[in-house]
Structures are given as structure tokens and as C-alpha cells.
Amino acid sequence: MLDMDSRLPYSCTLEEYLDGTFNMQFADEDKKKYAPVFRVVKAATYVQTFYSDRMHMKQDGSWMATPPFYSCITTSNMKKNKKGHLSNLDDYIDMSKKGKLGEICTMEKLRSKFG
């Protein structure tokens, strides 16, 4: 497992990552509201469909950090999003979007599928 925002060692198992990253100790009535969900996308699908113009890395027109040296991720089917940018990052983040963008899994489903 590799998560650039995690402080866990690389590499670790899925179990170690989930146990070390997600605190599941919250009140029963809040479990459904705050329980993590995951988008599982086949690598080939991701490479064919994901694109981003890096506008999520800018604030007030300025870079929040130095952008990567390599070109933006592009595909042949790019179209502008609601904000007018060439990016479908928000579609991957929005967990109500299903279908071609992979499978939405609960923690339990993810563990049973890959654990």
C-alpha cells in the first residue's frame, strides 16, 4: 500500500494501512455518517479515464506548491468540468458517482475483497 499522505512505512499490507489510518472508534449513531468509503478502480480503467489539468493545486491563481515537472495527465476523452477546467478529479472524489469510475466499497467490503 502506498499513500503519500500517510506516515505509515512503505510498504505495508492493506490491513496495516486500514488499521493505522482509519480510527473506527466513534459513537454508534455516527458510524454510517463518518464511516470511510473507497473507490476501487482497475489500473487500466484509471489510466484510460482519469485526467487533470492541476487546477486543484492552485489557489487564487497561484500554485500552492511547486507542480510536478512532468506533463498533466491527459486522455483522448477530456471535457471541461463544471468549473471550466479539464479535470475529472471531482468525479473520482464524489462517492455518489458509480459505474465506469470503479466500485464504491465500505471498509468491510474492501477488507473482504482484498484482505
C-alpha atoms as a PDB file:
ATOM      1  CA  MET A   1       0.000   0.000   0.000  1.00  0.00           C
ATOM      2  CA  LEU A   2       1.297   3.469  -0.852  1.00  0.00           C
ATOM      3  CA  ASP A   3      -0.390   6.606   0.434  1.00  0.00           C
ATOM      4  CA  MET A   4       1.710   9.746   0.071  1.00  0.00           C
ATOM      5  CA  ASP A   5      -0.254  11.413   2.900  1.00  0.00           C
ATOM      6  CA  SER A   6       0.194   8.569   5.360  1.00  0.00           C
ATOM      7  CA  ARG A   7       3.053   8.321   7.819  1.00  0.00           C
ATOM      8  CA  LEU A   8       2.972   4.555   7.706  1.00  0.00           C
ATOM      9  CA  PRO A   9       6.053   2.790   6.350  1.00  0.00           C
ATOM     10  CA  TYR A  10       6.234   1.816   2.715  1.00  0.00           C
ATOM     11  CA  SER A  11       5.308  -0.827   2.029  1.00  0.00           C
ATOM     12  CA  CYS A  12       2.625  -2.139   4.319  1.00  0.00           C
ATOM     13  CA  THR A  13      -0.250  -4.551   3.941  1.00  0.00           C
ATOM     14  CA  LEU A  14      -3.798  -3.382   3.331  1.00  0.00           C
ATOM     15  CA  GLU A  15      -4.714  -4.488   6.862  1.00  0.00           C
ATOM     16  CA  GLU A  16      -1.857  -2.449   8.377  1.00  0.00           C
ATOM     17  CA  TYR A  17      -2.842   0.570   6.279  1.00  0.00           C
ATOM     18  CA  LEU A  18      -6.539   0.446   7.186  1.00  0.00           C
ATOM     19  CA  ASP A  19      -5.879  -0.194  10.883  1.00  0.00           C
ATOM     20  CA  GLY A  20      -3.189   2.514  11.050  1.00  0.00           C
ATOM     21  CA  THR A  21      -5.038   5.161   9.069  1.00  0.00           C
ATOM     22  CA  PHE A  22      -8.720   4.994   9.965  1.00  0.00           C
ATOM     23  CA  ASN A  23      -9.998   5.452  13.520  1.00  0.00           C
ATOM     24  CA  MET A  24     -13.169   3.423  13.791  1.00  0.00           C
ATOM     25  CA  GLN A  25     -13.798   4.309  17.449  1.00  0.00           C
ATOM     26  CA  PHE A  26     -16.734   6.694  17.173  1.00  0.00           C
ATOM     27  CA  ALA A  27     -20.279   6.624  18.505  1.00  0.00           C
ATOM     28  CA  ASP A  28     -22.666   4.027  17.025  1.00  0.00           C
ATOM     29  CA  GLU A  29     -25.129   6.638  15.752  1.00  0.00           C
ATOM     30  CA  ASP A  30     -22.334   8.382  13.831  1.00  0.00           C
ATOM     31  CA  LYS A  31     -20.844   5.274  12.218  1.00  0.00           C
ATOM     32  CA  LYS A  32     -22.755   5.478   8.965  1.00  0.00           C
ATOM     33  CA  LYS A  33     -22.265   9.215   8.665  1.00  0.00           C
ATOM     34  CA  TYR A  34     -18.484   9.167   9.134  1.00  0.00           C
ATOM     35  CA  ALA A  35     -17.539   5.669   8.017  1.00  0.00           C
ATOM     36  CA  PRO A  36     -14.929   5.713   5.234  1.00  0.00           C
ATOM     37  CA  VAL A  37     -15.743   4.543   1.733  1.00  0.00           C
ATOM     38  CA  PHE A  38     -13.276   3.700  -1.004  1.00  0.00           C
ATOM     39  CA  ARG A  39     -13.332   3.894  -4.782  1.00  0.00           C
ATOM     40  CA  VAL A  40     -11.673   0.824  -6.289  1.00  0.00           C
ATOM     41  CA  VAL A  41     -10.686   1.347  -9.921  1.00  0.00           C
ATOM     42  CA  LYS A  42      -8.884  -1.122 -12.157  1.00  0.00           C
ATOM     43  CA  ALA A  43      -5.498   0.281 -13.146  1.00  0.00           C
ATOM     44  CA  ALA A  44      -6.216   0.049 -16.876  1.00  0.00           C
ATOM     45  CA  THR A  45      -9.529   1.881 -16.454  1.00  0.00           C
ATOM     46  CA  TYR A  46      -7.896   4.582 -14.351  1.00  0.00           C
ATOM     47  CA  VAL A  47      -5.132   5.167 -16.907  1.00  0.00           C
ATOM     48  CA  GLN A  48      -7.691   5.361 -19.731  1.00  0.00           C
ATOM     49  CA  THR A  49     -10.191   7.652 -17.993  1.00  0.00           C
ATOM     50  CA  PHE A  50      -8.511   9.914 -15.420  1.00  0.00           C
ATOM     51  CA  TYR A  51      -7.314  13.383 -16.429  1.00  0.00           C
ATOM     52  CA  SER A  52      -6.385  16.537 -14.557  1.00  0.00           C
ATOM     53  CA  ASP A  53      -5.149  19.995 -15.510  1.00  0.00           C
ATOM     54  CA  ARG A  54      -3.845  20.532 -11.941  1.00  0.00           C
ATOM     55  CA  MET A  55      -6.198  23.432 -11.180  1.00  0.00           C
ATOM     56  CA  HIS A  56      -6.900  21.808  -7.798  1.00  0.00           C
ATOM     57  CA  MET A  57      -3.277  22.716  -6.969  1.00  0.00           C
ATOM     58  CA  LYS A  58      -3.875  26.456  -7.390  1.00  0.00           C
ATOM     59  CA  GLN A  59      -5.388  28.970  -5.029  1.00  0.00           C
ATOM     60  CA  ASP A  60      -6.272  32.481  -6.197  1.00  0.00           C
ATOM     61  CA  GLY A  61      -4.425  31.772  -9.447  1.00  0.00           C
ATOM     62  CA  SER A  62      -1.130  30.852  -7.741  1.00  0.00           C
ATOM     63  CA  TRP A  63       0.424  27.447  -7.175  1.00  0.00           C
ATOM     64  CA  MET A  64       0.066  26.232  -3.575  1.00  0.00           C
ATOM     65  CA  ALA A  65       3.227  24.139  -4.119  1.00  0.00           C
ATOM     66  CA  THR A  66       5.614  23.618  -6.984  1.00  0.00           C
ATOM     67  CA  PRO A  67       3.813  21.477  -9.567  1.00  0.00           C
ATOM     68  CA  PRO A  68       5.363  18.233 -10.794  1.00  0.00           C
ATOM     69  CA  PHE A  69       7.907  18.569 -13.598  1.00  0.00           C
ATOM     70  CA  TYR A  70       6.036  16.129 -15.850  1.00  0.00           C
ATOM     71  CA  SER A  71       3.080  16.982 -18.082  1.00  0.00           C
ATOM     72  CA  CYS A  72      -0.506  16.960 -16.868  1.00  0.00           C
ATOM     73  CA  ILE A  73      -2.388  13.683 -17.096  1.00  0.00           C
ATOM     74  CA  THR A  74      -4.471  13.670 -20.273  1.00  0.00           C
ATOM     75  CA  THR A  75      -6.773  11.292 -22.159  1.00  0.00           C
ATOM     76  CA  SER A  76      -8.477  11.372 -25.526  1.00  0.00           C
ATOM     77  CA  ASN A  77     -11.941  11.891 -23.985  1.00  0.00           C
ATOM     78  CA  MET A  78     -11.319  15.009 -21.888  1.00  0.00           C
ATOM     79  CA  LYS A  79     -14.056  17.574 -21.389  1.00  0.00           C
ATOM     80  CA  LYS A  80     -14.374  20.628 -19.182  1.00  0.00           C
ATOM     81  CA  ASN A  81     -15.968  20.180 -15.790  1.00  0.00           C
ATOM     82  CA  LYS A  82     -18.496  22.497 -14.091  1.00  0.00           C
ATOM     83  CA  LYS A  83     -15.667  24.821 -13.030  1.00  0.00           C
ATOM     84  CA  GLY A  84     -14.419  25.073 -16.622  1.00  0.00           C
ATOM     85  CA  HIS A  85     -11.278  23.010 -16.039  1.00  0.00           C
ATOM     86  CA  LEU A  86     -10.055  19.954 -17.925  1.00  0.00           C
ATOM     87  CA  SER A  87     -10.276  17.595 -14.982  1.00  0.00           C
ATOM     88  CA  ASN A  88     -12.490  14.762 -13.783  1.00  0.00           C
ATOM     89  CA  LEU A  89     -10.862  14.574 -10.341  1.00  0.00           C
ATOM     90  CA  ASP A  90     -14.128  15.666  -8.696  1.00  0.00           C
ATOM     91  CA  ASP A  91     -15.918  12.729 -10.339  1.00  0.00           C
ATOM     92  CA  TYR A  92     -13.467  10.347  -8.664  1.00  0.00           C
ATOM     93  CA  ILE A  93     -13.864  12.106  -5.303  1.00  0.00           C
ATOM     94  CA  ASP A  94     -17.683  12.172  -5.422  1.00  0.00           C
ATOM     95  CA  MET A  95     -18.695   8.827  -3.929  1.00  0.00           C
ATOM     96  CA  SER A  96     -22.212   9.060  -5.374  1.00  0.00           C
ATOM     97  CA  LYS A  97     -20.683   8.626  -8.875  1.00  0.00           C
ATOM     98  CA  LYS A  98     -20.642   4.949  -9.773  1.00  0.00           C
ATOM     99  CA  GLY A  99     -20.339   2.856 -12.905  1.00  0.00           C
ATOM    100  CA  LYS A 100     -17.324   3.371 -15.142  1.00  0.00           C
ATOM    101  CA  LEU A 101     -15.391   5.069 -12.338  1.00  0.00           C
ATOM    102  CA  GLY A 102     -14.972   1.841 -10.424  1.00  0.00           C
ATOM    103  CA  GLU A 103     -16.662   0.250  -7.454  1.00  0.00           C
ATOM    104  CA  ILE A 104     -17.533   2.024  -4.207  1.00  0.00           C
ATOM    105  CA  CYS A 105     -16.613  -0.136  -1.204  1.00  0.00           C
ATOM    106  CA  THR A 106     -17.192   0.155   2.511  1.00  0.00           C
ATOM    107  CA  MET A 107     -14.294  -0.704   4.809  1.00  0.00           C
ATOM    108  CA  GLU A 108     -15.768  -4.154   5.376  1.00  0.00           C
ATOM    109  CA  LYS A 109     -16.213  -4.818   1.662  1.00  0.00           C
ATOM    110  CA  LEU A 110     -12.689  -3.627   0.914  1.00  0.00           C
ATOM    111  CA  ARG A 111     -11.249  -5.929   3.605  1.00  0.00           C
ATOM    112  CA  SER A 112     -13.217  -8.937   2.346  1.00  0.00           C
ATOM    113  CA  LYS A 113     -12.321  -8.243  -1.268  1.00  0.00           C
ATOM    114  CA  PHE A 114      -8.569  -7.663  -0.827  1.00  0.00           C
ATOM    115  CA  GLY A 115      -7.681  -8.584   2.768  1.00  0.00           C
END
